[in-house]
Amino acid sequence: MKVTEMTFSTSHGDMLVTAKQFASISDDDLEWLEITRDDLVRCWKEGEHLMKDHVPSDRVHPIAEVDNDGTRFVVIVGYVEHTDRLMDVKRPKGSKQH
């Protein structure tokens, strides 16, 4: 199944990034997601690999978690209704906006 969205765990909560947003993620977004561009791409590819044997009715999607040493790893989880979309997040005053 093609990856259409991936959740990234951050200290701000879980942030959902769609495939449409993926190509235009800014440096400010990367900072907010607490991830490098290389790790973002690696995680997305890893998510695509993990999703290849799933179908939409499985109702699962990839999530990029952070290990204790700060390394990102990707797992497949069931859908969660309370994930914030990257563009809908209210950022604290003083943080950079789009």
PDB file of N, CA and C in Angstrom:
ATOM      1  N   MET A   1       0.849  -1.171   0.000  1.00  0.00           N
ATOM      2  CA  MET A   1       0.000   0.000   0.000  1.00  0.00           C
ATOM      3  C   MET A   1       0.900   1.241   0.000  1.00  0.00           C
ATOM      4  N   LYS A   2       0.563   2.232  -0.792  1.00  0.00           N
ATOM      5  CA  LYS A   2       1.329   3.469  -0.871  1.00  0.00           C
ATOM      6  C   LYS A   2       1.136   4.282   0.402  1.00  0.00           C
ATOM      7  N   VAL A   3       2.229   4.867   0.895  1.00  0.00           N
ATOM      8  CA  VAL A   3       2.164   5.703   2.085  1.00  0.00           C
ATOM      9  C   VAL A   3       1.587   7.060   1.700  1.00  0.00           C
ATOM     10  N   THR A   4       0.474   7.424   2.319  1.00  0.00           N
ATOM     11  CA  THR A   4      -0.148   8.727   2.054  1.00  0.00           C
ATOM     12  C   THR A   4       0.045   9.688   3.216  1.00  0.00           C
ATOM     13  N   GLU A   5       0.454   9.141   4.364  1.00  0.00           N
ATOM     14  CA  GLU A   5       0.710   9.963   5.530  1.00  0.00           C
ATOM     15  C   GLU A   5       1.561   9.184   6.515  1.00  0.00           C
ATOM     16  N   MET A   6       2.293   9.940   7.325  1.00  0.00           N
ATOM     17  CA  MET A   6       3.116   9.322   8.361  1.00  0.00           C
ATOM     18  C   MET A   6       3.075  10.224   9.585  1.00  0.00           C
ATOM     19  N   THR A   7       3.040   9.602  10.737  1.00  0.00           N
ATOM     20  CA  THR A   7       3.049  10.334  11.995  1.00  0.00           C
ATOM     21  C   THR A   7       4.480  10.373  12.534  1.00  0.00           C
ATOM     22  N   PHE A   8       4.865  11.557  13.016  1.00  0.00           N
ATOM     23  CA  PHE A   8       6.180  11.741  13.619  1.00  0.00           C
ATOM     24  C   PHE A   8       6.000  12.135  15.073  1.00  0.00           C
ATOM     25  N   SER A   9       6.587  11.356  15.978  1.00  0.00           N
ATOM     26  CA  SER A   9       6.533  11.683  17.396  1.00  0.00           C
ATOM     27  C   SER A   9       7.489  12.835  17.665  1.00  0.00           C
ATOM     28  N   THR A  10       7.016  13.830  18.421  1.00  0.00           N
ATOM     29  CA  THR A  10       7.850  14.964  18.809  1.00  0.00           C
ATOM     30  C   THR A  10       7.576  15.275  20.273  1.00  0.00           C
ATOM     31  N   SER A  11       8.333  16.191  20.819  1.00  0.00           N
ATOM     32  CA  SER A  11       8.088  16.601  22.200  1.00  0.00           C
ATOM     33  C   SER A  11       6.803  17.420  22.296  1.00  0.00           C
ATOM     34  N   HIS A  12       6.243  17.842  21.134  1.00  0.00           N
ATOM     35  CA  HIS A  12       4.995  18.606  21.086  1.00  0.00           C
ATOM     36  C   HIS A  12       3.777  17.700  20.934  1.00  0.00           C
ATOM     37  N   GLY A  13       4.022  16.410  20.756  1.00  0.00           N
ATOM     38  CA  GLY A  13       2.956  15.457  20.483  1.00  0.00           C
ATOM     39  C   GLY A  13       3.188  14.818  19.131  1.00  0.00           C
ATOM     40  N   ASP A  14       2.274  13.981  18.718  1.00  0.00           N
ATOM     41  CA  ASP A  14       2.388  13.300  17.434  1.00  0.00           C
ATOM     42  C   ASP A  14       1.906  14.221  16.325  1.00  0.00           C
ATOM     43  N   MET A  15       2.719  14.366  15.256  1.00  0.00           N
ATOM     44  CA  MET A  15       2.394  15.236  14.134  1.00  0.00           C
ATOM     45  C   MET A  15       2.226  14.400  12.874  1.00  0.00           C
ATOM     46  N   LEU A  16       1.120  14.603  12.188  1.00  0.00           N
ATOM     47  CA  LEU A  16       0.823  13.872  10.976  1.00  0.00           C
ATOM     48  C   LEU A  16       1.284  14.674   9.767  1.00  0.00           C
ATOM     49  N   VAL A  17       2.091  14.053   8.913  1.00  0.00           N
ATOM     50  CA  VAL A  17       2.565  14.673   7.680  1.00  0.00           C
ATOM     51  C   VAL A  17       2.002  13.873   6.515  1.00  0.00           C
ATOM     52  N   THR A  18       1.352  14.560   5.581  1.00  0.00           N
ATOM     53  CA  THR A  18       0.784  13.887   4.410  1.00  0.00           C
ATOM     54  C   THR A  18       1.814  13.835   3.288  1.00  0.00           C
ATOM     55  N   ALA A  19       1.582  12.959   2.326  1.00  0.00           N
ATOM     56  CA  ALA A  19       2.469  12.854   1.167  1.00  0.00           C
ATOM     57  C   ALA A  19       2.519  14.180   0.417  1.00  0.00           C
ATOM     58  N   LYS A  20       1.406  14.878   0.350  1.00  0.00           N
ATOM     59  CA  LYS A  20       1.353  16.169  -0.338  1.00  0.00           C
ATOM     60  C   LYS A  20       2.254  17.189   0.376  1.00  0.00           C
ATOM     61  N   GLN A  21       2.279  17.187   1.693  1.00  0.00           N
ATOM     62  CA  GLN A  21       3.118  18.107   2.465  1.00  0.00           C
ATOM     63  C   GLN A  21       4.591  17.723   2.402  1.00  0.00           C
ATOM     64  N   PHE A  22       4.853  16.435   2.237  1.00  0.00           N
ATOM     65  CA  PHE A  22       6.214  15.904   2.342  1.00  0.00           C
ATOM     66  C   PHE A  22       7.197  16.655   1.441  1.00  0.00           C
ATOM     67  N   ALA A  23       6.822  16.919   0.209  1.00  0.00           N
ATOM     68  CA  ALA A  23       7.732  17.549  -0.755  1.00  0.00           C
ATOM     69  C   ALA A  23       8.051  19.000  -0.418  1.00  0.00           C
ATOM     70  N   SER A  24       7.205  19.642   0.360  1.00  0.00           N
ATOM     71  CA  SER A  24       7.405  21.066   0.615  1.00  0.00           C
ATOM     72  C   SER A  24       7.713  21.387   2.077  1.00  0.00           C
ATOM     73  N   ILE A  25       8.179  20.420   2.823  1.00  0.00           N
ATOM     74  CA  ILE A  25       8.496  20.658   4.228  1.00  0.00           C
ATOM     75  C   ILE A  25       9.688  21.605   4.322  1.00  0.00           C
ATOM     76  N   SER A  26       9.497  22.677   5.062  1.00  0.00           N
ATOM     77  CA  SER A  26      10.528  23.706   5.203  1.00  0.00           C
ATOM     78  C   SER A  26      11.513  23.341   6.318  1.00  0.00           C
ATOM     79  N   ASP A  27      12.592  24.113   6.389  1.00  0.00           N
ATOM     80  CA  ASP A  27      13.553  23.921   7.478  1.00  0.00           C
ATOM     81  C   ASP A  27      12.899  24.196   8.827  1.00  0.00           C
ATOM     82  N   ASP A  28      11.977  25.171   8.868  1.00  0.00           N
ATOM     83  CA  ASP A  28      11.250  25.449  10.112  1.00  0.00           C
ATOM     84  C   ASP A  28      10.395  24.251  10.518  1.00  0.00           C
ATOM     85  N   ASP A  29       9.747  23.609   9.526  1.00  0.00           N
ATOM     86  CA  ASP A  29       8.947  22.415   9.811  1.00  0.00           C
ATOM     87  C   ASP A  29       9.833  21.300  10.352  1.00  0.00           C
ATOM     88  N   LEU A  30      11.009  21.124   9.744  1.00  0.00           N
ATOM     89  CA  LEU A  30      11.929  20.087  10.214  1.00  0.00           C
ATOM     90  C   LEU A  30      12.332  20.337  11.662  1.00  0.00           C
ATOM     91  N   GLU A  31      12.590  21.592  11.973  1.00  0.00           N
ATOM     92  CA  GLU A  31      12.942  21.938  13.355  1.00  0.00           C
ATOM     93  C   GLU A  31      11.790  21.609  14.297  1.00  0.00           C
ATOM     94  N   TRP A  32      10.567  21.936  13.881  1.00  0.00           N
ATOM     95  CA  TRP A  32       9.378  21.663  14.703  1.00  0.00           C
ATOM     96  C   TRP A  32       9.186  20.154  14.882  1.00  0.00           C
ATOM     97  N   LEU A  33       9.454  19.402  13.806  1.00  0.00           N
ATOM     98  CA  LEU A  33       9.327  17.944  13.865  1.00  0.00           C
ATOM     99  C   LEU A  33      10.510  17.281  14.584  1.00  0.00           C
ATOM    100  N   GLU A  34      11.547  18.079  14.863  1.00  0.00           N
ATOM    101  CA  GLU A  34      12.721  17.580  15.566  1.00  0.00           C
ATOM    102  C   GLU A  34      13.390  16.446  14.790  1.00  0.00           C
ATOM    103  N   ILE A  35      13.617  16.709  13.487  1.00  0.00           N
ATOM    104  CA  ILE A  35      14.185  15.688  12.611  1.00  0.00           C
ATOM    105  C   ILE A  35      15.000  16.370  11.521  1.00  0.00           C
ATOM    106  N   THR A  36      16.014  15.674  11.036  1.00  0.00           N
ATOM    107  CA  THR A  36      16.776  16.188   9.901  1.00  0.00           C
ATOM    108  C   THR A  36      16.075  15.772   8.610  1.00  0.00           C
ATOM    109  N   ARG A  37      16.390  16.451   7.520  1.00  0.00           N
ATOM    110  CA  ARG A  37      15.788  16.087   6.233  1.00  0.00           C
ATOM    111  C   ARG A  37      16.187  14.666   5.842  1.00  0.00           C
ATOM    112  N   ASP A  38      17.446  14.294   6.078  1.00  0.00           N
ATOM    113  CA  ASP A  38      17.896  12.935   5.758  1.00  0.00           C
ATOM    114  C   ASP A  38      17.105  11.889   6.537  1.00  0.00           C
ATOM    115  N   ASP A  39      16.884  12.138   7.833  1.00  0.00           N
ATOM    116  CA  ASP A  39      16.104  11.196   8.641  1.00  0.00           C
ATOM    117  C   ASP A  39      14.646  11.160   8.204  1.00  0.00           C
ATOM    118  N   LEU A  40      14.113  12.312   7.816  1.00  0.00           N
ATOM    119  CA  LEU A  40      12.734  12.370   7.326  1.00  0.00           C
ATOM    120  C   LEU A  40      12.570  11.469   6.098  1.00  0.00           C
ATOM    121  N   VAL A  41      13.488  11.612   5.143  1.00  0.00           N
ATOM    122  CA  VAL A  41      13.440  10.808   3.918  1.00  0.00           C
ATOM    123  C   VAL A  41      13.640   9.332   4.250  1.00  0.00           C
ATOM    124  N   ARG A  42      14.606   9.034   5.121  1.00  0.00           N
ATOM    125  CA  ARG A  42      14.862   7.637   5.501  1.00  0.00           C
ATOM    126  C   ARG A  42      13.632   7.022   6.151  1.00  0.00           C
ATOM    127  N   CYS A  43      13.008   7.754   7.062  1.00  0.00           N
ATOM    128  CA  CYS A  43      11.817   7.244   7.747  1.00  0.00           C
ATOM    129  C   CYS A  43      10.674   7.017   6.759  1.00  0.00           C
ATOM    130  N   TRP A  44      10.481   7.950   5.822  1.00  0.00           N
ATOM    131  CA  TRP A  44       9.399   7.807   4.839  1.00  0.00           C
ATOM    132  C   TRP A  44       9.615   6.545   4.003  1.00  0.00           C
ATOM    133  N   LYS A  45      10.860   6.340   3.554  1.00  0.00           N
ATOM    134  CA  LYS A  45      11.176   5.139   2.756  1.00  0.00           C
ATOM    135  C   LYS A  45      10.976   3.872   3.577  1.00  0.00           C
ATOM    136  N   GLU A  46      11.383   3.928   4.835  1.00  0.00           N
ATOM    137  CA  GLU A  46      11.197   2.780   5.731  1.00  0.00           C
ATOM    138  C   GLU A  46       9.707   2.493   5.913  1.00  0.00           C
ATOM    139  N   GLY A  47       8.912   3.549   6.063  1.00  0.00           N
ATOM    140  CA  GLY A  47       7.465   3.395   6.178  1.00  0.00           C
ATOM    141  C   GLY A  47       6.867   2.771   4.930  1.00  0.00           C
ATOM    142  N   GLU A  48       7.341   3.211   3.750  1.00  0.00           N
ATOM    143  CA  GLU A  48       6.860   2.623   2.498  1.00  0.00           C
ATOM    144  C   GLU A  48       7.179   1.136   2.437  1.00  0.00           C
ATOM    145  N   HIS A  49       8.387   0.775   2.872  1.00  0.00           N
ATOM    146  CA  HIS A  49       8.774  -0.643   2.874  1.00  0.00           C
ATOM    147  C   HIS A  49       7.883  -1.453   3.821  1.00  0.00           C
ATOM    148  N   LEU A  50       7.633  -0.920   5.007  1.00  0.00           N
ATOM    149  CA  LEU A  50       6.813  -1.635   5.990  1.00  0.00           C
ATOM    150  C   LEU A  50       5.345  -1.751   5.558  1.00  0.00           C
ATOM    151  N   MET A  51       4.873  -0.803   4.755  1.00  0.00           N
ATOM    152  CA  MET A  51       3.465  -0.788   4.344  1.00  0.00           C
ATOM    153  C   MET A  51       3.197  -1.619   3.093  1.00  0.00           C
ATOM    154  N   LYS A  52       4.223  -2.108   2.433  1.00  0.00           N
ATOM    155  CA  LYS A  52       4.040  -2.759   1.126  1.00  0.00           C
ATOM    156  C   LYS A  52       3.085  -3.953   1.159  1.00  0.00           C
ATOM    157  N   ASP A  53       2.977  -4.635   2.269  1.00  0.00           N
ATOM    158  CA  ASP A  53       2.104  -5.808   2.347  1.00  0.00           C
ATOM    159  C   ASP A  53       0.747  -5.521   2.978  1.00  0.00           C
ATOM    160  N   HIS A  54       0.462  -4.250   3.245  1.00  0.00           N
ATOM    161  CA  HIS A  54      -0.804  -3.880   3.870  1.00  0.00           C
ATOM    162  C   HIS A  54      -1.792  -3.358   2.834  1.00  0.00           C
ATOM    163  N   VAL A  55      -3.067  -3.462   3.159  1.00  0.00           N
ATOM    164  CA  VAL A  55      -4.148  -2.937   2.316  1.00  0.00           C
ATOM    165  C   VAL A  55      -4.930  -1.922   3.153  1.00  0.00           C
ATOM    166  N   PRO A  56      -5.684  -1.009   2.506  1.00  0.00           N
ATOM    167  CA  PRO A  56      -6.410   0.017   3.261  1.00  0.00           C
ATOM    168  C   PRO A  56      -7.295  -0.526   4.381  1.00  0.00           C
ATOM    169  N   SER A  57      -7.889  -1.684   4.164  1.00  0.00           N
ATOM    170  CA  SER A  57      -8.777  -2.222   5.203  1.00  0.00           C
ATOM    171  C   SER A  57      -8.034  -2.641   6.468  1.00  0.00           C
ATOM    172  N   ASP A  58      -6.701  -2.714   6.405  1.00  0.00           N
ATOM    173  CA  ASP A  58      -5.911  -3.008   7.607  1.00  0.00           C
ATOM    174  C   ASP A  58      -5.959  -1.841   8.596  1.00  0.00           C
ATOM    175  N   ARG A  59      -6.271  -0.621   8.090  1.00  0.00           N
ATOM    176  CA  ARG A  59      -6.374   0.594   8.899  1.00  0.00           C
ATOM    177  C   ARG A  59      -5.138   0.820   9.765  1.00  0.00           C
ATOM    178  N   VAL A  60      -3.977   0.756   9.114  1.00  0.00           N
ATOM    179  CA  VAL A  60      -2.703   0.995   9.791  1.00  0.00           C
ATOM    180  C   VAL A  60      -1.924   2.060   9.023  1.00  0.00           C
ATOM    181  N   HIS A  61      -0.968   2.669   9.692  1.00  0.00           N
ATOM    182  CA  HIS A  61      -0.074   3.611   9.030  1.00  0.00           C
ATOM    183  C   HIS A  61       1.249   3.655   9.788  1.00  0.00           C
ATOM    184  N   PRO A  62       2.304   4.165   9.132  1.00  0.00           N
ATOM    185  CA  PRO A  62       3.603   4.209   9.786  1.00  0.00           C
ATOM    186  C   PRO A  62       3.726   5.398  10.741  1.00  0.00           C
ATOM    187  N   ILE A  63       4.481   5.173  11.807  1.00  0.00           N
ATOM    188  CA  ILE A  63       4.786   6.242  12.749  1.00  0.00           C
ATOM    189  C   ILE A  63       6.288   6.199  13.034  1.00  0.00           C
ATOM    190  N   ALA A  64       6.914   7.371  13.000  1.00  0.00           N
ATOM    191  CA  ALA A  64       8.349   7.473  13.289  1.00  0.00           C
ATOM    192  C   ALA A  64       8.510   7.858  14.749  1.00  0.00           C
ATOM    193  N   GLU A  65       8.985   6.936  15.517  1.00  0.00           N
ATOM    194  CA  GLU A  65       9.204   7.125  16.954  1.00  0.00           C
ATOM    195  C   GLU A  65      10.660   7.520  17.195  1.00  0.00           C
ATOM    196  N   VAL A  66      10.952   7.942  18.414  1.00  0.00           N
ATOM    197  CA  VAL A  66      12.314   8.304  18.791  1.00  0.00           C
ATOM    198  C   VAL A  66      12.781   7.356  19.884  1.00  0.00           C
ATOM    199  N   ASP A  67      13.907   6.698  19.631  1.00  0.00           N
ATOM    200  CA  ASP A  67      14.494   5.795  20.613  1.00  0.00           C
ATOM    201  C   ASP A  67      15.161   6.609  21.730  1.00  0.00           C
ATOM    202  N   ASN A  68      15.528   5.958  22.811  1.00  0.00           N
ATOM    203  CA  ASN A  68      16.161   6.645  23.943  1.00  0.00           C
ATOM    204  C   ASN A  68      17.435   7.389  23.559  1.00  0.00           C
ATOM    205  N   ASP A  69      18.138   6.901  22.544  1.00  0.00           N
ATOM    206  CA  ASP A  69      19.383   7.561  22.126  1.00  0.00           C
ATOM    207  C   ASP A  69      19.144   8.648  21.075  1.00  0.00           C
ATOM    208  N   GLY A  70      17.861   8.925  20.760  1.00  0.00           N
ATOM    209  CA  GLY A  70      17.529   9.967  19.793  1.00  0.00           C
ATOM    210  C   GLY A  70      17.388   9.474  18.368  1.00  0.00           C
ATOM    211  N   THR A  71      17.652   8.203  18.136  1.00  0.00           N
ATOM    212  CA  THR A  71      17.532   7.618  16.801  1.00  0.00           C
ATOM    213  C   THR A  71      16.065   7.413  16.456  1.00  0.00           C
ATOM    214  N   ARG A  72      15.687   7.756  15.230  1.00  0.00           N
ATOM    215  CA  ARG A  72      14.320   7.528  14.755  1.00  0.00           C
ATOM    216  C   ARG A  72      14.177   6.098  14.260  1.00  0.00           C
ATOM    217  N   PHE A  73      13.033   5.481  14.545  1.00  0.00           N
ATOM    218  CA  PHE A  73      12.691   4.169  14.004  1.00  0.00           C
ATOM    219  C   PHE A  73      11.215   4.182  13.636  1.00  0.00           C
ATOM    220  N   VAL A  74      10.838   3.371  12.675  1.00  0.00           N
ATOM    221  CA  VAL A  74       9.472   3.382  12.158  1.00  0.00           C
ATOM    222  C   VAL A  74       8.769   2.086  12.514  1.00  0.00           C
ATOM    223  N   VAL A  75       7.540   2.210  12.981  1.00  0.00           N
ATOM    224  CA  VAL A  75       6.687   1.063  13.267  1.00  0.00           C
ATOM    225  C   VAL A  75       5.340   1.280  12.601  1.00  0.00           C
ATOM    226  N   ILE A  76       4.587   0.218  12.455  1.00  0.00           N
ATOM    227  CA  ILE A  76       3.237   0.292  11.894  1.00  0.00           C
ATOM    228  C   ILE A  76       2.246   0.208  13.043  1.00  0.00           C
ATOM    229  N   VAL A  77       1.299   1.149  13.078  1.00  0.00           N
ATOM    230  CA  VAL A  77       0.298   1.181  14.144  1.00  0.00           C
ATOM    231  C   VAL A  77      -1.087   1.374  13.547  1.00  0.00           C
ATOM    232  N   GLY A  78      -2.120   1.068  14.356  1.00  0.00           N
ATOM    233  CA  GLY A  78      -3.490   1.348  13.950  1.00  0.00           C
ATOM    234  C   GLY A  78      -3.737   2.846  13.988  1.00  0.00           C
ATOM    235  N   TYR A  79      -4.748   3.311  13.279  1.00  0.00           N
ATOM    236  CA  TYR A  79      -5.050   4.730  13.228  1.00  0.00           C
ATOM    237  C   TYR A  79      -5.458   5.269  14.586  1.00  0.00           C
ATOM    238  N   VAL A  80      -5.032   6.501  14.858  1.00  0.00           N
ATOM    239  CA  VAL A  80      -5.375   7.216  16.072  1.00  0.00           C
ATOM    240  C   VAL A  80      -6.136   8.461  15.646  1.00  0.00           C
ATOM    241  N   GLU A  81      -7.258   8.728  16.271  1.00  0.00           N
ATOM    242  CA  GLU A  81      -8.098   9.854  15.887  1.00  0.00           C
ATOM    243  C   GLU A  81      -7.544  11.210  16.335  1.00  0.00           C
ATOM    244  N   HIS A  82      -6.643  11.239  17.316  1.00  0.00           N
ATOM    245  CA  HIS A  82      -6.234  12.498  17.921  1.00  0.00           C
ATOM    246  C   HIS A  82      -4.815  12.913  17.554  1.00  0.00           C
ATOM    247  N   THR A  83      -4.422  12.721  16.308  1.00  0.00           N
ATOM    248  CA  THR A  83      -3.110  13.132  15.838  1.00  0.00           C
ATOM    249  C   THR A  83      -3.226  14.500  15.196  1.00  0.00           C
ATOM    250  N   ASP A  84      -2.359  15.432  15.567  1.00  0.00           N
ATOM    251  CA  ASP A  84      -2.375  16.773  14.990  1.00  0.00           C
ATOM    252  C   ASP A  84      -1.751  16.755  13.606  1.00  0.00           C
ATOM    253  N   ARG A  85      -2.369  17.444  12.671  1.00  0.00           N
ATOM    254  CA  ARG A  85      -1.777  17.623  11.352  1.00  0.00           C
ATOM    255  C   ARG A  85      -0.750  18.737  11.452  1.00  0.00           C
ATOM    256  N   LEU A  86       0.358  18.591  10.735  1.00  0.00           N
ATOM    257  CA  LEU A  86       1.464  19.531  10.824  1.00  0.00           C
ATOM    258  C   LEU A  86       1.007  20.966  10.619  1.00  0.00           C
ATOM    259  N   MET A  87       0.158  21.234   9.647  1.00  0.00           N
ATOM    260  CA  MET A  87      -0.227  22.594   9.307  1.00  0.00           C
ATOM    261  C   MET A  87      -1.268  23.162  10.276  1.00  0.00           C
ATOM    262  N   ASP A  88      -1.926  22.327  11.070  1.00  0.00           N
ATOM    263  CA  ASP A  88      -2.984  22.779  11.963  1.00  0.00           C
ATOM    264  C   ASP A  88      -2.508  23.052  13.387  1.00  0.00           C
ATOM    265  N   VAL A  89      -1.243  22.831  13.647  1.00  0.00           N
ATOM    266  CA  VAL A  89      -0.735  22.946  15.002  1.00  0.00           C
ATOM    267  C   VAL A  89      -0.575  24.413  15.381  1.00  0.00           C
ATOM    268  N   LYS A  90      -1.051  24.754  16.563  1.00  0.00           N
ATOM    269  CA  LYS A  90      -0.852  26.088  17.117  1.00  0.00           C
ATOM    270  C   LYS A  90       0.541  26.117  17.731  1.00  0.00           C
ATOM    271  N   ARG A  91       1.428  26.881  17.131  1.00  0.00           N
ATOM    272  CA  ARG A  91       2.792  26.953  17.627  1.00  0.00           C
ATOM    273  C   ARG A  91       2.901  28.046  18.680  1.00  0.00           C
ATOM    274  N   PRO A  92       3.803  27.888  19.627  1.00  0.00           N
ATOM    275  CA  PRO A  92       3.966  28.905  20.666  1.00  0.00           C
ATOM    276  C   PRO A  92       4.388  30.240  20.071  1.00  0.00           C
ATOM    277  N   LYS A  93       4.017  31.327  20.746  1.00  0.00           N
ATOM    278  CA  LYS A  93       4.415  32.654  20.302  1.00  0.00           C
ATOM    279  C   LYS A  93       5.941  32.706  20.215  1.00  0.00           C
ATOM    280  N   GLY A  94       6.415  33.370  19.174  1.00  0.00           N
ATOM    281  CA  GLY A  94       7.850  33.488  18.985  1.00  0.00           C
ATOM    282  C   GLY A  94       8.447  32.395  18.120  1.00  0.00           C
ATOM    283  N   SER A  95       7.700  31.287  17.905  1.00  0.00           N
ATOM    284  CA  SER A  95       8.223  30.253  17.007  1.00  0.00           C
ATOM    285  C   SER A  95       7.922  30.674  15.582  1.00  0.00           C
ATOM    286  N   LYS A  96       8.748  30.204  14.666  1.00  0.00           N
ATOM    287  CA  LYS A  96       8.617  30.602  13.263  1.00  0.00           C
ATOM    288  C   LYS A  96       7.384  29.969  12.638  1.00  0.00           C
ATOM    289  N   GLN A  97       6.660  30.752  11.874  1.00  0.00           N
ATOM    290  CA  GLN A  97       5.469  30.293  11.148  1.00  0.00           C
ATOM    291  C   GLN A  97       5.813  30.158   9.683  1.00  0.00           C
ATOM    292  N   HIS A  98       4.944  29.558   8.917  1.00  0.00           N
ATOM    293  CA  HIS A  98       5.133  29.407   7.468  1.00  0.00           C
ATOM    294  C   HIS A  98       4.958  30.729   6.787  1.00  0.00           C
TER     295      HIS A  98
END
